[in-house]
Amino acid sequence: MSAAGRSTALPTGAHDGVVAEGLGKRYGELWALREVDLDVPPGSVLGLLGHNGAGKTTAIRILTTLALPSAGRASVAGLDVVAEAARVRERIGLAGQYATVDGLLSARVNLEMVGRLYHLPRAIARARARELLERLGLLEKADILVRTFSGGMRRRLDLAASLMGEPPVLFLDEPTTGLDPQGRNDLWTLLRELVDGGTTLVLTTQYLEEADRLADNIVVLDRGRIVAAGPPEELKARVGGERIEVTLASEEGLTSAAEALSAFADGQSVTAPEELRVTMPARAGTRLVEVVRALDAAGVDALDVHRREATLDDVFLAVTGSHGSPETPATEALAR
């Protein structure tokens, strides 16, 4: 159904978080998003994962009223994103992939201006701006023009702007891009505090550690469709089993390592040439010493061989890593 002809009724089970039913977006004959269902209860975190072009940003744009859906319905903070778009915008905060703050203003003035746009009294806007500048490590730079800021500083200021109105629902599109490890950790701590205080958070990210640490539930998109969904621990359990990970001295040994590991594999090995690493799902009862012996017999110069539990990286690769390849038991389980 087109946006113009869609029902204005809220999705079944709509609440003060985020709900979507059959959400889709089409550009000509191309569906950028198709049949997406979401349910993000108030005070929880949804992580949207996927390759570039998988549909993550399209979903965020629809949910934040920046784009009309071609199909389906959605509500944010209990409000229909099409029929009540203006009211939705009053109830959300958004930090996109690129900082949108004004480089010709200081950080403090940027935030106070956003506060005034939220109709905050001047004194409250000033106090809120100072609080956020301090929490995000920008207070010492508060009165310097933003055009002099580094990319990471701009990202932090953009996030501060999205928080000025203390929105009950917050959308973050790859929020930690450009941040150093310490800045990323600080931001994670702040976001967890916000969620513990009742904020609903939807974030897209390419940092799987970020999703694992923050998200209560994860949705993996691939070519506009949901290919896996569930809590992080559940998704990792569905992939199942332990992994044997081998780091090599040179790229020349990758093929030989993968062949040597195949005797112990409970599924397809994954090769990462840029990291000189081969990872395989290990068959039950595999002994590490046997793996080392097989690699040595194949003449593989291994710098490190170790066993680990499944991670979100393994989940992501299982459902998106090889387009058009036959389904494996792991991908079938994740799709359920």
Protein backbone atom coordinates (compact mmCIF):
# COMPACT_ATOMS: atom_id res chain seq x y z
CA MET A 1 0.00 0.00 0.00
CA SER A 2 1.32 3.45 -0.82
CA ALA A 3 1.89 5.99 1.92
CA ALA A 4 -0.93 8.09 0.52
CA GLY A 5 -3.40 5.23 0.73
CA ARG A 6 -2.23 3.67 3.98
CA SER A 7 -4.30 3.27 7.11
CA THR A 8 -3.61 5.75 9.90
CA ALA A 9 -4.35 3.12 12.55
CA LEU A 10 -1.40 2.32 14.78
CA PRO A 11 0.29 -1.06 14.40
CA THR A 12 -1.15 -3.86 16.51
CA GLY A 13 0.41 -3.81 19.97
CA ALA A 14 1.73 -0.25 19.59
CA HIS A 15 3.29 1.22 22.74
CA ASP A 16 5.48 4.14 23.77
CA GLY A 17 8.61 2.58 22.25
CA VAL A 18 8.98 1.71 18.56
CA VAL A 19 6.71 -0.65 16.61
CA ALA A 20 6.70 -1.44 12.89
CA GLU A 21 4.61 -3.88 10.86
CA GLY A 22 5.42 -4.84 7.28
CA LEU A 23 7.51 -1.70 6.80
CA GLY A 24 8.80 -1.20 3.26
CA LYS A 25 10.39 1.47 1.08
CA ARG A 26 10.56 1.27 -2.70
CA TYR A 27 12.47 3.44 -5.15
CA GLY A 28 11.12 2.63 -8.60
CA GLU A 29 11.42 -1.13 -8.95
CA LEU A 30 13.99 -1.42 -6.15
CA TRP A 31 12.89 -2.27 -2.62
CA ALA A 32 15.38 -0.71 -0.19
CA LEU A 33 13.35 -2.11 2.72
CA ARG A 34 10.82 -4.95 2.62
CA GLU A 35 8.42 -6.51 5.16
CA VAL A 36 10.27 -5.30 8.26
CA ASP A 37 8.64 -5.91 11.64
CA LEU A 38 10.09 -4.28 14.76
CA ASP A 39 9.09 -4.19 18.42
CA VAL A 40 11.25 -2.08 20.73
CA PRO A 41 9.67 -1.79 24.19
CA PRO A 42 10.16 1.44 26.15
CA GLY A 43 13.48 1.55 27.99
CA SER A 44 15.21 -0.99 25.75
CA VAL A 45 17.85 -0.97 23.00
CA LEU A 46 17.48 -2.33 19.48
CA GLY A 47 20.63 -2.76 17.41
CA LEU A 48 20.18 -2.69 13.61
CA LEU A 49 23.04 -4.48 11.87
CA GLY A 50 23.84 -4.97 8.20
CA HIS A 51 26.26 -4.24 5.39
CA ASN A 52 26.27 -0.79 3.79
CA GLY A 53 23.09 -0.59 1.72
CA ALA A 54 21.28 -3.25 3.75
CA GLY A 55 18.45 -0.87 4.66
CA LYS A 56 19.47 0.33 8.13
CA THR A 57 19.48 4.05 7.36
CA THR A 58 16.29 3.73 5.30
CA ALA A 59 14.54 2.23 8.32
CA ILE A 60 15.81 5.04 10.56
CA ARG A 61 14.66 7.69 8.06
CA ILE A 62 11.13 6.27 8.01
CA LEU A 63 10.91 5.94 11.79
CA THR A 64 12.12 9.52 12.27
CA THR A 65 9.63 10.90 9.69
CA LEU A 66 12.35 11.86 7.18
CA ALA A 67 10.97 9.45 4.57
CA LEU A 68 7.51 8.04 3.85
CA PRO A 69 7.05 4.28 3.83
CA SER A 70 5.87 2.62 0.63
CA ALA A 71 4.25 -0.15 2.63
CA GLY A 72 3.42 -1.02 6.21
CA ARG A 73 2.91 1.06 9.34
CA ALA A 74 5.00 2.26 12.26
CA SER A 75 4.58 4.07 15.55
CA VAL A 76 7.16 5.87 17.67
CA ALA A 77 6.38 6.97 21.24
CA GLY A 78 2.81 5.80 20.62
CA LEU A 79 2.38 8.06 17.58
CA ASP A 80 1.92 7.17 13.91
CA VAL A 81 5.03 8.23 11.98
CA VAL A 82 2.99 9.44 8.98
CA ALA A 83 -0.30 10.71 10.37
CA GLU A 84 1.32 12.32 13.43
CA ALA A 85 4.76 13.15 12.04
CA ALA A 86 5.04 16.57 13.70
CA ARG A 87 4.24 15.14 17.14
CA VAL A 88 6.70 12.28 16.58
CA ARG A 89 9.47 14.81 15.91
CA GLU A 90 8.75 16.45 19.26
CA ARG A 91 9.32 13.13 21.03
CA ILE A 92 12.54 11.90 19.42
CA GLY A 93 16.23 12.67 19.21
CA LEU A 94 18.28 11.82 16.13
CA ALA A 95 22.01 11.74 15.46
CA GLY A 96 22.71 10.74 11.87
CA GLN A 97 25.86 9.38 10.27
CA TYR A 98 27.22 12.87 9.67
CA ALA A 99 27.43 15.70 12.16
CA THR A 100 24.87 18.42 11.43
CA VAL A 101 26.00 21.09 13.89
CA ASP A 102 26.77 24.62 12.63
CA GLY A 103 30.51 25.16 12.21
CA LEU A 104 30.15 28.94 12.43
CA LEU A 105 28.76 28.78 15.97
CA SER A 106 30.38 27.67 19.21
CA ALA A 107 29.46 24.34 20.76
CA ARG A 108 27.55 26.08 23.54
CA VAL A 109 25.54 28.26 21.16
CA ASN A 110 24.75 25.25 18.96
CA LEU A 111 23.21 23.41 21.89
CA GLU A 112 21.37 26.41 23.29
CA MET A 113 19.88 27.05 19.86
CA VAL A 114 18.66 23.43 19.67
CA GLY A 115 17.19 23.83 23.15
CA ARG A 116 15.24 26.88 22.02
CA LEU A 117 13.95 24.90 19.02
CA TYR A 118 12.63 22.40 21.58
CA HIS A 119 10.89 25.40 23.23
CA LEU A 120 12.97 25.13 26.38
CA PRO A 121 13.13 28.31 28.48
CA ARG A 122 16.42 30.12 27.94
CA ALA A 123 17.79 29.36 31.42
CA ILE A 124 16.93 25.67 31.15
CA ALA A 125 18.46 25.44 27.66
CA ARG A 126 21.65 27.04 28.97
CA ALA A 127 21.86 24.66 31.96
CA ARG A 128 21.10 21.61 29.82
CA ALA A 129 23.76 22.60 27.28
CA ARG A 130 26.40 22.96 29.99
CA GLU A 131 25.46 19.59 31.50
CA LEU A 132 25.79 17.79 28.16
CA LEU A 133 29.02 19.55 27.23
CA GLU A 134 30.50 18.38 30.51
CA ARG A 135 29.24 14.81 30.21
CA LEU A 136 30.62 14.48 26.69
CA GLY A 137 34.01 16.00 27.49
CA LEU A 138 33.49 19.22 25.53
CA LEU A 139 33.16 21.81 28.29
CA GLU A 140 36.69 23.17 27.82
CA LYS A 141 35.90 23.75 24.12
CA ALA A 142 32.39 25.08 24.72
CA ASP A 143 33.04 28.58 23.37
CA ILE A 144 35.25 27.69 20.40
CA LEU A 145 33.83 27.65 16.87
CA VAL A 146 32.77 24.16 15.87
CA ARG A 147 34.55 24.43 12.52
CA THR A 148 37.82 23.93 14.44
CA PHE A 149 36.61 20.66 15.99
CA SER A 150 37.91 17.23 15.02
CA GLY A 151 35.50 14.70 13.53
CA GLY A 152 35.18 12.89 16.85
CA MET A 153 34.39 16.11 18.70
CA ARG A 154 31.71 16.97 16.13
CA ARG A 155 30.16 13.52 16.62
CA ARG A 156 29.99 14.09 20.37
CA LEU A 157 28.43 17.51 19.90
CA ASP A 158 25.90 16.09 17.44
CA LEU A 159 24.91 13.49 20.03
CA ALA A 160 24.59 16.22 22.65
CA ALA A 161 22.25 18.12 20.32
CA SER A 162 20.06 15.00 19.94
CA LEU A 163 19.77 14.81 23.75
CA MET A 164 18.90 18.46 24.40
CA GLY A 165 15.16 17.85 24.55
CA GLU A 166 15.54 14.75 26.77
CA PRO A 167 13.64 12.70 24.17
CA PRO A 168 11.94 9.48 25.28
CA VAL A 169 13.02 7.79 22.02
CA LEU A 170 16.52 8.21 20.61
CA PHE A 171 17.75 7.16 17.14
CA LEU A 172 21.49 6.93 16.53
CA ASP A 173 22.85 6.07 13.08
CA GLU A 174 26.39 4.74 13.60
CA PRO A 175 26.96 7.01 16.62
CA THR A 176 30.57 6.11 17.40
CA THR A 177 32.02 6.48 13.90
CA GLY A 178 35.14 8.63 14.21
CA LEU A 179 35.47 8.24 17.99
CA ASP A 180 38.63 6.89 19.58
CA PRO A 181 38.32 3.81 21.87
CA GLN A 182 38.06 5.90 25.03
CA GLY A 183 35.42 8.15 23.49
CA ARG A 184 33.49 5.10 22.35
CA ASN A 185 33.54 3.59 25.84
CA ASP A 186 32.44 6.90 27.39
CA LEU A 187 29.55 7.12 24.95
CA TRP A 188 28.48 3.54 25.66
CA THR A 189 28.38 4.35 29.38
CA LEU A 190 26.24 7.45 28.75
CA LEU A 191 23.82 5.56 26.50
CA ARG A 192 23.39 2.79 29.04
CA GLU A 193 22.61 5.40 31.70
CA LEU A 194 19.97 6.95 29.44
CA VAL A 195 18.35 3.57 28.77
CA ASP A 196 18.41 2.68 32.48
CA GLY A 197 16.53 5.95 33.00
CA GLY A 198 13.77 4.89 30.58
CA THR A 199 14.98 6.12 27.17
CA THR A 200 14.20 3.86 24.20
CA LEU A 201 17.20 3.55 21.87
CA VAL A 202 17.42 2.38 18.27
CA LEU A 203 20.94 2.36 16.89
CA THR A 204 22.62 1.22 13.72
CA THR A 205 26.24 0.20 13.96
CA GLN A 206 28.98 -1.65 12.14
CA TYR A 207 30.83 -2.25 15.41
CA LEU A 208 29.53 -5.63 16.51
CA GLU A 209 31.11 -5.20 19.95
CA GLU A 210 28.93 -2.10 20.34
CA ALA A 211 25.76 -4.04 19.54
CA ASP A 212 26.79 -6.89 21.82
CA ARG A 213 27.42 -4.51 24.71
CA LEU A 214 24.40 -2.22 24.33
CA ALA A 215 21.54 -4.01 22.57
CA ASP A 216 18.78 -5.95 24.31
CA ASN A 217 17.69 -7.21 20.90
CA ILE A 218 19.32 -7.26 17.48
CA VAL A 219 17.87 -7.23 13.98
CA VAL A 220 20.18 -8.12 11.08
CA LEU A 221 19.16 -6.67 7.72
CA ASP A 222 20.38 -7.97 4.38
CA ARG A 223 19.23 -6.43 1.09
CA GLY A 224 16.33 -4.75 2.87
CA ARG A 225 14.95 -7.81 4.65
CA ILE A 226 15.34 -9.16 8.17
CA VAL A 227 17.53 -12.27 8.08
CA ALA A 228 18.02 -12.74 11.82
CA ALA A 229 16.52 -11.30 15.00
CA GLY A 230 16.75 -11.88 18.73
CA PRO A 231 18.79 -11.12 21.86
CA PRO A 232 22.58 -11.22 21.28
CA GLU A 233 23.13 -14.30 23.45
CA GLU A 234 20.31 -16.16 21.72
CA LEU A 235 21.68 -15.38 18.26
CA LYS A 236 25.15 -16.54 19.27
CA ALA A 237 23.67 -19.72 20.71
CA ARG A 238 21.84 -20.39 17.43
CA VAL A 239 25.11 -20.14 15.51
CA GLY A 240 26.36 -22.58 18.11
CA GLY A 241 29.58 -24.17 19.17
CA GLU A 242 33.14 -23.06 19.61
CA ARG A 243 35.46 -21.57 17.01
CA ILE A 244 39.07 -22.35 16.24
CA GLU A 245 40.86 -19.20 15.13
CA VAL A 246 44.26 -19.28 13.41
CA THR A 247 46.41 -16.21 12.75
CA LEU A 248 49.10 -16.64 10.12
CA ALA A 249 52.47 -15.07 9.42
CA SER A 250 51.64 -14.35 5.76
CA GLU A 251 48.75 -14.40 3.29
CA GLU A 252 50.31 -17.28 1.34
CA GLY A 253 49.26 -19.80 3.99
CA LEU A 254 45.55 -18.93 4.12
CA THR A 255 44.39 -21.56 1.63
CA SER A 256 46.53 -24.31 3.16
CA ALA A 257 45.29 -23.39 6.65
CA ALA A 258 41.64 -23.55 5.57
CA GLU A 259 42.23 -26.96 3.97
CA ALA A 260 43.98 -28.28 7.09
CA LEU A 261 41.16 -27.01 9.33
CA SER A 262 38.44 -28.64 7.21
CA ALA A 263 39.09 -31.99 8.89
CA PHE A 264 37.92 -30.52 12.21
CA ALA A 265 35.17 -28.17 10.95
CA ASP A 266 31.47 -28.33 11.75
CA GLY A 267 30.62 -25.91 8.96
CA GLN A 268 32.33 -23.57 6.55
CA SER A 269 35.57 -21.80 7.48
CA VAL A 270 35.77 -18.00 7.15
CA THR A 271 38.95 -16.45 5.78
CA ALA A 272 39.91 -12.83 6.53
CA PRO A 273 42.92 -12.07 4.27
CA GLU A 274 43.37 -8.52 5.56
CA GLU A 275 43.76 -9.89 9.09
CA LEU A 276 45.70 -13.03 8.03
CA ARG A 277 43.14 -15.10 9.91
CA VAL A 278 41.09 -18.25 9.33
CA THR A 279 38.17 -19.11 11.61
CA MET A 280 36.17 -22.33 11.63
CA PRO A 281 33.25 -23.70 13.66
CA ALA A 282 34.83 -26.61 15.54
CA ARG A 283 33.38 -30.11 15.58
CA ALA A 284 32.52 -31.36 19.07
CA GLY A 285 35.49 -33.05 20.75
CA THR A 286 38.13 -31.29 18.65
CA ARG A 287 41.44 -31.08 20.51
CA LEU A 288 43.57 -28.02 19.95
CA VAL A 289 46.76 -30.07 19.84
CA GLU A 290 45.39 -32.04 16.87
CA VAL A 291 44.68 -28.80 15.03
CA VAL A 292 48.23 -27.56 15.65
CA ARG A 293 49.69 -30.82 14.38
CA ALA A 294 47.56 -30.69 11.21
CA LEU A 295 48.65 -27.11 10.50
CA ASP A 296 52.29 -28.05 11.04
CA ALA A 297 51.98 -31.06 8.73
CA ALA A 298 50.52 -28.75 6.04
CA GLY A 299 53.49 -26.42 6.39
CA VAL A 300 51.38 -23.54 7.72
CA ASP A 301 53.31 -20.88 9.63
CA ALA A 302 50.77 -20.09 12.37
CA LEU A 303 51.48 -17.25 14.80
CA ASP A 304 48.50 -18.06 17.02
CA VAL A 305 45.95 -20.84 17.38
CA HIS A 306 43.17 -20.57 19.96
CA ARG A 307 39.65 -21.67 20.80
CA ARG A 308 36.83 -19.20 21.52
CA GLU A 309 33.07 -18.95 21.89
CA ALA A 310 30.85 -17.71 19.05
CA THR A 311 30.52 -13.91 18.71
CA LEU A 312 28.19 -11.53 16.89
CA ASP A 313 30.80 -11.41 14.12
CA ASP A 314 30.09 -15.11 13.54
CA VAL A 315 26.34 -14.44 13.53
CA PHE A 316 26.77 -11.60 11.05
CA LEU A 317 28.94 -13.62 8.70
CA ALA A 318 26.60 -16.62 8.92
CA VAL A 319 23.62 -14.63 7.63
CA THR A 320 25.17 -11.97 5.37
CA GLY A 321 28.67 -13.09 4.46
CA SER A 322 28.01 -15.06 1.27
CA HIS A 323 25.13 -13.86 -0.94
CA GLY A 324 23.58 -16.58 -3.00
CA SER A 325 25.34 -19.45 -1.26
CA PRO A 326 23.37 -22.49 -0.10
CA GLU A 327 21.86 -22.21 3.37
CA THR A 328 23.68 -23.96 6.17
CA PRO A 329 22.12 -25.29 9.40
CA ALA A 330 23.40 -22.14 11.12
CA THR A 331 21.70 -19.73 8.70
CA GLU A 332 18.49 -21.74 8.80
CA ALA A 333 18.48 -21.60 12.62
CA LEU A 334 19.12 -17.85 12.64
CA ALA A 335 16.25 -17.23 10.25
CA ARG A 336 13.77 -18.93 12.57
